[in-house]
Amino acid sequence: QVQLVESGGGLVQAGGSLRLSCAASGNIFSSNVLGWYRQAPGKQRELVAAISSGGNPNYADSVKGRFTIARDNAKNTVWLQMNSLKPEDTAVYYCNYRDAFAYIYWGQGTQVPVSS
């Protein structure tokens, strides 16, 4: 089992910034991918950004140039720095862990409402 604890969500105005954090604990395999997904009301959950334990990031086109993902392998922590936020970024953001054994775990989600 892997536990993921998210923090950092909250109401922000359009154009503002927010930083999400996710701390992973438990049976963590050294080769893994930590990521952030989001789900807006009435929409499917979608990938926002992910980063491998080797440090390779990938981003959804909609957030490229505005969001930055980073991780600390020693602390099993991943961050998502979100700048220039838009109302369409409003969603529940979920931390995600997956590893080479195909184990997948989710955090409880954190709300990010962006007001216009």
C-alpha atoms as a PDB file:
ATOM      1  CA  GLN A   1       0.000   0.000   0.000  1.00  0.00           C
ATOM      2  CA  VAL A   2       1.043   3.557  -0.746  1.00  0.00           C
ATOM      3  CA  GLN A   3      -0.526   6.536   0.970  1.00  0.00           C
ATOM      4  CA  LEU A   4      -0.633   9.936  -0.710  1.00  0.00           C
ATOM      5  CA  VAL A   5      -1.363  13.078   1.281  1.00  0.00           C
ATOM      6  CA  GLU A   6      -2.027  16.271  -0.658  1.00  0.00           C
ATOM      7  CA  SER A   7      -1.959  19.851   0.526  1.00  0.00           C
ATOM      8  CA  GLY A   8      -1.964  23.364  -0.860  1.00  0.00           C
ATOM      9  CA  GLY A   9      -5.327  23.715  -2.566  1.00  0.00           C
ATOM     10  CA  GLY A  10      -7.653  26.631  -2.090  1.00  0.00           C
ATOM     11  CA  LEU A  11      -9.420  29.542  -3.707  1.00  0.00           C
ATOM     12  CA  VAL A  12      -7.288  31.707  -5.979  1.00  0.00           C
ATOM     13  CA  GLN A  13      -8.021  34.547  -8.374  1.00  0.00           C
ATOM     14  CA  ALA A  14      -7.401  34.259 -12.083  1.00  0.00           C
ATOM     15  CA  GLY A  15      -3.806  35.138 -12.846  1.00  0.00           C
ATOM     16  CA  GLY A  16      -2.685  33.998  -9.436  1.00  0.00           C
ATOM     17  CA  SER A  17      -0.438  31.159  -8.323  1.00  0.00           C
ATOM     18  CA  LEU A  18      -0.779  28.127  -6.131  1.00  0.00           C
ATOM     19  CA  ARG A  19       1.529  25.301  -5.126  1.00  0.00           C
ATOM     20  CA  LEU A  20       0.272  21.803  -4.473  1.00  0.00           C
ATOM     21  CA  SER A  21       2.253  19.249  -2.502  1.00  0.00           C
ATOM     22  CA  CYS A  22       1.893  15.501  -2.211  1.00  0.00           C
ATOM     23  CA  ALA A  23       3.788  13.295   0.201  1.00  0.00           C
ATOM     24  CA  ALA A  24       3.940   9.578  -0.497  1.00  0.00           C
ATOM     25  CA  SER A  25       4.563   6.921   2.128  1.00  0.00           C
ATOM     26  CA  GLY A  26       4.351   3.162   2.439  1.00  0.00           C
ATOM     27  CA  ASN A  27       5.632   0.498   0.039  1.00  0.00           C
ATOM     28  CA  ILE A  28       7.200   2.792  -2.521  1.00  0.00           C
ATOM     29  CA  PHE A  29       9.106   1.197  -5.350  1.00  0.00           C
ATOM     30  CA  SER A  30      12.193   3.110  -6.365  1.00  0.00           C
ATOM     31  CA  SER A  31      11.121   3.273 -10.006  1.00  0.00           C
ATOM     32  CA  ASN A  32       7.845   5.133 -10.064  1.00  0.00           C
ATOM     33  CA  VAL A  33       5.958   8.020 -11.558  1.00  0.00           C
ATOM     34  CA  LEU A  34       4.282  10.675  -9.432  1.00  0.00           C
ATOM     35  CA  GLY A  35       1.717  12.860 -11.073  1.00  0.00           C
ATOM     36  CA  TRP A  36      -1.200  15.206 -10.773  1.00  0.00           C
ATOM     37  CA  TYR A  37      -4.575  14.695 -12.360  1.00  0.00           C
ATOM     38  CA  ARG A  38      -7.629  16.896 -12.179  1.00  0.00           C
ATOM     39  CA  GLN A  39     -11.325  16.500 -12.534  1.00  0.00           C
ATOM     40  CA  ALA A  40     -13.623  19.418 -13.233  1.00  0.00           C
ATOM     41  CA  PRO A  41     -17.371  19.175 -12.578  1.00  0.00           C
ATOM     42  CA  GLY A  42     -19.040  17.094 -15.257  1.00  0.00           C
ATOM     43  CA  LYS A  43     -15.762  16.150 -16.891  1.00  0.00           C
ATOM     44  CA  GLN A  44     -13.472  13.153 -16.889  1.00  0.00           C
ATOM     45  CA  ARG A  45     -10.328  13.042 -14.848  1.00  0.00           C
ATOM     46  CA  GLU A  46      -7.334  14.151 -16.909  1.00  0.00           C
ATOM     47  CA  LEU A  47      -3.589  14.161 -16.554  1.00  0.00           C
ATOM     48  CA  VAL A  48      -2.098  17.532 -15.659  1.00  0.00           C
ATOM     49  CA  ALA A  49       1.558  16.630 -15.210  1.00  0.00           C
ATOM     50  CA  ALA A  50       3.701  13.699 -14.175  1.00  0.00           C
ATOM     51  CA  ILE A  51       7.337  13.122 -13.378  1.00  0.00           C
ATOM     52  CA  SER A  52       9.332   9.924 -13.219  1.00  0.00           C
ATOM     53  CA  SER A  53      11.768   9.006 -10.478  1.00  0.00           C
ATOM     54  CA  GLY A  54      14.442   9.756 -13.068  1.00  0.00           C
ATOM     55  CA  GLY A  55      13.187  13.334 -13.234  1.00  0.00           C
ATOM     56  CA  ASN A  56      11.523  13.345 -16.646  1.00  0.00           C
ATOM     57  CA  PRO A  57       8.373  15.491 -16.648  1.00  0.00           C
ATOM     58  CA  ASN A  58       5.473  15.594 -19.030  1.00  0.00           C
ATOM     59  CA  TYR A  59       2.613  18.046 -19.154  1.00  0.00           C
ATOM     60  CA  ALA A  60      -0.822  18.395 -20.612  1.00  0.00           C
ATOM     61  CA  ASP A  61      -0.816  20.896 -23.462  1.00  0.00           C
ATOM     62  CA  SER A  62      -3.254  23.082 -21.577  1.00  0.00           C
ATOM     63  CA  VAL A  63      -0.790  23.756 -18.752  1.00  0.00           C
ATOM     64  CA  LYS A  64       2.543  23.862 -20.567  1.00  0.00           C
ATOM     65  CA  GLY A  65       4.421  27.038 -19.763  1.00  0.00           C
ATOM     66  CA  ARG A  66       2.238  27.749 -16.725  1.00  0.00           C
ATOM     67  CA  PHE A  67       2.632  24.714 -14.453  1.00  0.00           C
ATOM     68  CA  THR A  68       5.831  23.099 -13.242  1.00  0.00           C
ATOM     69  CA  ILE A  69       6.133  19.693 -11.618  1.00  0.00           C
ATOM     70  CA  ALA A  70       9.065  18.715  -9.428  1.00  0.00           C
ATOM     71  CA  ARG A  71       9.908  15.962  -6.987  1.00  0.00           C
ATOM     72  CA  ASP A  72      12.271  15.036  -4.189  1.00  0.00           C
ATOM     73  CA  ASN A  73      13.009  11.307  -4.318  1.00  0.00           C
ATOM     74  CA  ALA A  74      14.550  11.255  -0.856  1.00  0.00           C
ATOM     75  CA  LYS A  75      11.349  12.685   0.629  1.00  0.00           C
ATOM     76  CA  ASN A  76       8.973  10.922  -1.777  1.00  0.00           C
ATOM     77  CA  THR A  77       7.314  14.245  -2.368  1.00  0.00           C
ATOM     78  CA  VAL A  78       6.003  15.868  -5.529  1.00  0.00           C
ATOM     79  CA  TRP A  79       4.982  19.463  -6.056  1.00  0.00           C
ATOM     80  CA  LEU A  80       2.936  21.221  -8.684  1.00  0.00           C
ATOM     81  CA  GLN A  81       3.609  24.922  -9.073  1.00  0.00           C
ATOM     82  CA  MET A  82       0.686  26.515 -10.856  1.00  0.00           C
ATOM     83  CA  ASN A  83       1.091  30.026 -12.257  1.00  0.00           C
ATOM     84  CA  SER A  84      -1.161  32.221 -14.371  1.00  0.00           C
ATOM     85  CA  LEU A  85      -4.171  30.266 -13.237  1.00  0.00           C
ATOM     86  CA  LYS A  86      -7.327  30.452 -15.316  1.00  0.00           C
ATOM     87  CA  PRO A  87     -10.964  29.790 -14.391  1.00  0.00           C
ATOM     88  CA  GLU A  88     -10.800  26.694 -16.588  1.00  0.00           C
ATOM     89  CA  ASP A  89      -8.155  25.281 -14.239  1.00  0.00           C
ATOM     90  CA  THR A  90     -10.872  24.948 -11.607  1.00  0.00           C
ATOM     91  CA  ALA A  91     -11.028  21.304 -10.555  1.00  0.00           C
ATOM     92  CA  VAL A  92     -10.282  18.803  -7.865  1.00  0.00           C
ATOM     93  CA  TYR A  93      -6.608  17.925  -8.164  1.00  0.00           C
ATOM     94  CA  TYR A  94      -5.480  14.396  -7.347  1.00  0.00           C
ATOM     95  CA  CYS A  95      -2.009  13.114  -6.645  1.00  0.00           C
ATOM     96  CA  ASN A  96      -1.189   9.827  -8.372  1.00  0.00           C
ATOM     97  CA  TYR A  97       1.446   7.160  -7.896  1.00  0.00           C
ATOM     98  CA  ARG A  98       2.213   4.337 -10.281  1.00  0.00           C
ATOM     99  CA  ASP A  99       5.137   1.968 -10.487  1.00  0.00           C
ATOM    100  CA  ALA A 100       6.674  -0.720 -12.666  1.00  0.00           C
ATOM    101  CA  PHE A 101       4.532  -3.383 -11.005  1.00  0.00           C
ATOM    102  CA  ALA A 102       1.410  -1.566 -12.226  1.00  0.00           C
ATOM    103  CA  TYR A 103       0.351  -0.520  -8.728  1.00  0.00           C
ATOM    104  CA  ILE A 104      -1.635   2.697  -8.875  1.00  0.00           C
ATOM    105  CA  TYR A 105      -2.709   4.809  -5.938  1.00  0.00           C
ATOM    106  CA  TRP A 106      -4.607   8.066  -5.595  1.00  0.00           C
ATOM    107  CA  GLY A 107      -4.683  10.844  -3.065  1.00  0.00           C
ATOM    108  CA  GLN A 108      -7.922  12.116  -1.593  1.00  0.00           C
ATOM    109  CA  GLY A 109      -7.997  15.191  -3.825  1.00  0.00           C
ATOM    110  CA  THR A 110      -7.715  18.892  -3.128  1.00  0.00           C
ATOM    111  CA  GLN A 111     -10.024  21.604  -4.440  1.00  0.00           C
ATOM    112  CA  VAL A 112      -8.662  24.410  -6.578  1.00  0.00           C
ATOM    113  CA  PRO A 113     -11.360  26.954  -7.439  1.00  0.00           C
ATOM    114  CA  VAL A 114     -10.131  29.780  -9.666  1.00  0.00           C
ATOM    115  CA  SER A 115     -12.320  32.874  -9.632  1.00  0.00           C
ATOM    116  CA  SER A 116     -12.558  35.191 -12.631  1.00  0.00           C
END
